[in-house]
Amino acid sequence: MEDKDLMEKELLVIKGVCDLYLHGTIESTTAEVHSAFKDALNESLDIQNKIYNLMAEKGWYKTEIVEQQKIDTTKQKYANK
């Protein structure tokens, strides 16, 4: 398996972990549990950001620049709802 494939899988896993920690934070019933989940979420978000940045540096995570007109159209569409 190539490095790119491994990084993509790692990014998917850490995104799933972030999702779990987010829900744990939201649903926690005590301040201590909330704090533990929140700390774990923040650490996981830092890891996710590092993986993303590494992939972007290598050109493995491409983003698309969207025209301002498309952005404005989308904003207007949802502002009317």
N, C-alpha and C. Protein backbone atom coordinates (compact mmCIF):
# COMPACT_ATOMS: atom_id res chain seq x y z
N MET A 1 0.84 -1.17 0.00
CA MET A 1 0.00 0.00 0.00
C MET A 1 0.89 1.24 0.00
N GLU A 2 0.52 2.21 -0.78
CA GLU A 2 1.33 3.42 -0.90
C GLU A 2 1.06 4.39 0.26
N ASP A 3 2.00 5.32 0.45
CA ASP A 3 1.88 6.29 1.54
C ASP A 3 0.59 7.09 1.42
N LYS A 4 0.23 7.49 0.20
CA LYS A 4 -0.98 8.26 -0.01
C LYS A 4 -2.21 7.50 0.50
N ASP A 5 -2.30 6.23 0.17
CA ASP A 5 -3.43 5.42 0.61
C ASP A 5 -3.48 5.30 2.13
N LEU A 6 -2.32 5.11 2.73
CA LEU A 6 -2.25 5.02 4.19
C LEU A 6 -2.69 6.32 4.86
N MET A 7 -2.25 7.44 4.30
CA MET A 7 -2.62 8.74 4.86
C MET A 7 -4.12 8.99 4.70
N GLU A 8 -4.68 8.59 3.58
CA GLU A 8 -6.13 8.76 3.38
C GLU A 8 -6.90 7.95 4.41
N LYS A 9 -6.47 6.72 4.64
CA LYS A 9 -7.14 5.88 5.62
C LYS A 9 -6.97 6.45 7.03
N GLU A 10 -5.78 6.93 7.33
CA GLU A 10 -5.53 7.53 8.63
C GLU A 10 -6.40 8.76 8.84
N LEU A 11 -6.55 9.56 7.80
CA LEU A 11 -7.39 10.76 7.90
C LEU A 11 -8.84 10.38 8.14
N LEU A 12 -9.32 9.35 7.44
CA LEU A 12 -10.70 8.90 7.66
C LEU A 12 -10.91 8.39 9.08
N VAL A 13 -9.94 7.67 9.60
CA VAL A 13 -10.04 7.15 10.97
C VAL A 13 -10.08 8.29 11.98
N ILE A 14 -9.19 9.25 11.83
CA ILE A 14 -9.14 10.35 12.80
C ILE A 14 -10.39 11.21 12.70
N LYS A 15 -10.96 11.35 11.51
CA LYS A 15 -12.23 12.09 11.39
C LYS A 15 -13.33 11.36 12.14
N GLY A 16 -13.35 10.03 12.07
CA GLY A 16 -14.32 9.25 12.82
C GLY A 16 -14.13 9.39 14.31
N VAL A 17 -12.88 9.40 14.74
CA VAL A 17 -12.57 9.59 16.16
C VAL A 17 -13.06 10.96 16.63
N CYS A 18 -12.82 11.98 15.81
CA CYS A 18 -13.28 13.33 16.17
C CYS A 18 -14.80 13.36 16.32
N ASP A 19 -15.49 12.68 15.42
CA ASP A 19 -16.95 12.61 15.49
C ASP A 19 -17.40 11.97 16.79
N LEU A 20 -16.76 10.88 17.17
CA LEU A 20 -17.12 10.21 18.42
C LEU A 20 -16.86 11.09 19.63
N TYR A 21 -15.70 11.74 19.65
CA TYR A 21 -15.38 12.61 20.78
C TYR A 21 -16.31 13.82 20.84
N LEU A 22 -16.70 14.34 19.68
CA LEU A 22 -17.63 15.47 19.65
C LEU A 22 -18.95 15.06 20.31
N HIS A 23 -19.48 13.91 19.90
CA HIS A 23 -20.74 13.46 20.48
C HIS A 23 -20.59 13.13 21.97
N GLY A 24 -19.45 12.59 22.35
CA GLY A 24 -19.20 12.36 23.77
C GLY A 24 -19.19 13.65 24.56
N THR A 25 -18.60 14.68 23.98
CA THR A 25 -18.56 15.99 24.64
C THR A 25 -19.96 16.56 24.79
N ILE A 26 -20.73 16.49 23.71
CA ILE A 26 -22.08 17.05 23.72
C ILE A 26 -22.98 16.32 24.70
N GLU A 27 -22.86 15.00 24.77
CA GLU A 27 -23.78 14.19 25.56
C GLU A 27 -23.32 13.93 26.99
N SER A 28 -22.13 14.41 27.35
CA SER A 28 -21.62 14.11 28.70
C SER A 28 -22.49 14.75 29.77
N THR A 29 -22.60 14.06 30.88
CA THR A 29 -23.50 14.50 31.95
C THR A 29 -22.80 15.17 33.13
N THR A 30 -21.48 15.07 33.17
CA THR A 30 -20.74 15.74 34.25
C THR A 30 -19.64 16.61 33.66
N ALA A 31 -19.21 17.56 34.43
CA ALA A 31 -18.15 18.47 33.98
C ALA A 31 -16.85 17.72 33.71
N GLU A 32 -16.57 16.72 34.55
CA GLU A 32 -15.33 15.96 34.39
C GLU A 32 -15.33 15.15 33.08
N VAL A 33 -16.45 14.50 32.80
CA VAL A 33 -16.55 13.72 31.57
C VAL A 33 -16.51 14.65 30.37
N HIS A 34 -17.23 15.76 30.46
CA HIS A 34 -17.23 16.75 29.37
C HIS A 34 -15.80 17.23 29.09
N SER A 35 -15.07 17.54 30.13
CA SER A 35 -13.70 18.02 29.98
C SER A 35 -12.79 16.96 29.35
N ALA A 36 -12.96 15.72 29.77
CA ALA A 36 -12.13 14.63 29.22
C ALA A 36 -12.39 14.45 27.73
N PHE A 37 -13.67 14.44 27.34
CA PHE A 37 -14.00 14.30 25.93
C PHE A 37 -13.53 15.52 25.13
N LYS A 38 -13.70 16.70 25.70
CA LYS A 38 -13.30 17.92 25.01
C LYS A 38 -11.79 17.95 24.78
N ASP A 39 -11.03 17.55 25.79
CA ASP A 39 -9.57 17.50 25.65
C ASP A 39 -9.16 16.48 24.58
N ALA A 40 -9.80 15.32 24.60
CA ALA A 40 -9.51 14.29 23.59
C ALA A 40 -9.88 14.78 22.20
N LEU A 41 -11.01 15.48 22.09
CA LEU A 41 -11.44 16.04 20.80
C LEU A 41 -10.41 17.04 20.28
N ASN A 42 -9.96 17.93 21.14
CA ASN A 42 -8.97 18.93 20.71
C ASN A 42 -7.67 18.28 20.25
N GLU A 43 -7.21 17.27 20.97
CA GLU A 43 -6.01 16.55 20.55
C GLU A 43 -6.21 15.87 19.20
N SER A 44 -7.38 15.28 19.02
CA SER A 44 -7.69 14.60 17.76
C SER A 44 -7.78 15.58 16.61
N LEU A 45 -8.36 16.76 16.87
CA LEU A 45 -8.43 17.79 15.83
C LEU A 45 -7.04 18.26 15.42
N ASP A 46 -6.15 18.36 16.39
CA ASP A 46 -4.76 18.73 16.08
C ASP A 46 -4.10 17.68 15.19
N ILE A 47 -4.33 16.40 15.50
CA ILE A 47 -3.78 15.32 14.68
C ILE A 47 -4.36 15.37 13.28
N GLN A 48 -5.68 15.57 13.19
CA GLN A 48 -6.35 15.65 11.89
C GLN A 48 -5.74 16.78 11.07
N ASN A 49 -5.51 17.91 11.69
CA ASN A 49 -4.96 19.07 10.99
C ASN A 49 -3.55 18.78 10.48
N LYS A 50 -2.74 18.10 11.29
CA LYS A 50 -1.39 17.75 10.86
C LYS A 50 -1.42 16.79 9.67
N ILE A 51 -2.31 15.81 9.72
CA ILE A 51 -2.42 14.87 8.60
C ILE A 51 -2.86 15.60 7.35
N TYR A 52 -3.88 16.44 7.49
CA TYR A 52 -4.35 17.21 6.33
C TYR A 52 -3.24 18.07 5.73
N ASN A 53 -2.53 18.79 6.58
CA ASN A 53 -1.46 19.67 6.09
C ASN A 53 -0.37 18.87 5.36
N LEU A 54 -0.01 17.73 5.89
CA LEU A 54 0.99 16.90 5.25
C LEU A 54 0.50 16.42 3.88
N MET A 55 -0.76 15.98 3.84
CA MET A 55 -1.32 15.52 2.57
C MET A 55 -1.40 16.66 1.56
N ALA A 56 -1.80 17.84 2.02
CA ALA A 56 -1.90 19.00 1.13
C ALA A 56 -0.53 19.40 0.59
N GLU A 57 0.50 19.35 1.44
CA GLU A 57 1.87 19.66 1.01
C GLU A 57 2.32 18.74 -0.12
N LYS A 58 1.94 17.48 -0.02
CA LYS A 58 2.35 16.49 -1.00
C LYS A 58 1.44 16.46 -2.23
N GLY A 59 0.38 17.29 -2.20
CA GLY A 59 -0.55 17.34 -3.31
C GLY A 59 -1.54 16.18 -3.30
N TRP A 60 -1.70 15.53 -2.16
CA TRP A 60 -2.59 14.37 -2.04
C TRP A 60 -3.99 14.76 -1.62
N TYR A 61 -4.20 16.00 -1.23
CA TYR A 61 -5.52 16.46 -0.80
C TYR A 61 -5.76 17.76 -1.54
N LYS A 62 -6.41 17.63 -2.65
CA LYS A 62 -6.63 18.80 -3.50
C LYS A 62 -7.94 19.48 -3.12
N THR A 63 -7.90 20.78 -3.12
CA THR A 63 -9.10 21.57 -2.91
C THR A 63 -9.39 22.37 -4.17
N GLU A 64 -10.64 22.70 -4.33
CA GLU A 64 -11.06 23.42 -5.52
C GLU A 64 -11.42 24.85 -5.14
N ILE A 65 -10.95 25.79 -5.94
CA ILE A 65 -11.30 27.18 -5.71
C ILE A 65 -12.64 27.43 -6.41
N VAL A 66 -13.60 27.91 -5.65
CA VAL A 66 -14.94 28.11 -6.18
C VAL A 66 -15.11 29.58 -6.57
N GLU A 67 -15.80 29.78 -7.67
CA GLU A 67 -16.06 31.14 -8.14
C GLU A 67 -16.95 31.87 -7.13
N GLN A 68 -16.69 33.16 -6.96
CA GLN A 68 -17.45 33.96 -6.00
C GLN A 68 -18.94 33.94 -6.32
N GLN A 69 -19.29 33.90 -7.58
CA GLN A 69 -20.70 33.87 -7.98
C GLN A 69 -21.41 32.63 -7.42
N LYS A 70 -20.74 31.49 -7.46
CA LYS A 70 -21.33 30.26 -6.92
C LYS A 70 -21.52 30.37 -5.40
N ILE A 71 -20.57 30.98 -4.74
CA ILE A 71 -20.66 31.17 -3.29
C ILE A 71 -21.85 32.07 -2.97
N ASP A 72 -21.96 33.18 -3.71
CA ASP A 72 -23.06 34.12 -3.47
C ASP A 72 -24.42 33.48 -3.74
N THR A 73 -24.50 32.69 -4.81
CA THR A 73 -25.75 32.00 -5.15
C THR A 73 -26.16 31.04 -4.04
N THR A 74 -25.20 30.29 -3.53
CA THR A 74 -25.48 29.34 -2.46
C THR A 74 -25.90 30.07 -1.19
N LYS A 75 -25.20 31.14 -0.84
CA LYS A 75 -25.55 31.92 0.34
C LYS A 75 -26.97 32.46 0.23
N GLN A 76 -27.31 32.96 -0.94
CA GLN A 76 -28.64 33.51 -1.16
C GLN A 76 -29.71 32.43 -1.07
N LYS A 77 -29.42 31.27 -1.62
CA LYS A 77 -30.35 30.15 -1.59
C LYS A 77 -30.73 29.78 -0.16
N TYR A 78 -29.73 29.71 0.72
CA TYR A 78 -29.99 29.29 2.10
C TYR A 78 -30.42 30.44 3.00
N ALA A 79 -30.14 31.65 2.61
CA ALA A 79 -30.58 32.80 3.40
C ALA A 79 -32.09 32.99 3.29
N ASN A 80 -32.67 32.55 2.18
CA ASN A 80 -34.10 32.69 1.97
C ASN A 80 -34.93 31.64 2.67
N LYS A 81 -34.29 30.67 3.30
CA LYS A 81 -35.04 29.59 3.95
C LYS A 81 -35.22 29.79 5.41
